[in-house]
């Protein structure tokens, strides 16, 4: 299963956003209903994610239906935070690089504002 509490720039959550939300909610023992509402999931989505996360040992359940994030789940959250920081930094670098290229093209007349495009 591809796996995300922080929203992506396009405001749509991907599966990693959802996993991050579920694991973050379950840092303290929590019931299925709390996860469903807290992560804004339908019951079918919730079942899919709970099954996958328990199958991959990121989430555990005890006898009285309390779900908890496992040590592996906490490691996932830490690694995912790192990933998000690096992605944000890279996105900024790519945007800066594109602006620099546009400026260079404009300086030599190849850009939209250049003399060859009047």
Foldseek 3Di string as FASTA:
>chain_A
DDACCDADPVRDDDRNNLLLQLQVVQQDWDALVCSCVSSVHDPVVSVVSVVVCVVVQQWDADDVRTIHGDPVVVVSNVVVVVVVVVVVVVVVVVVVVVVVVQVVCCVVQNHCNRPVND
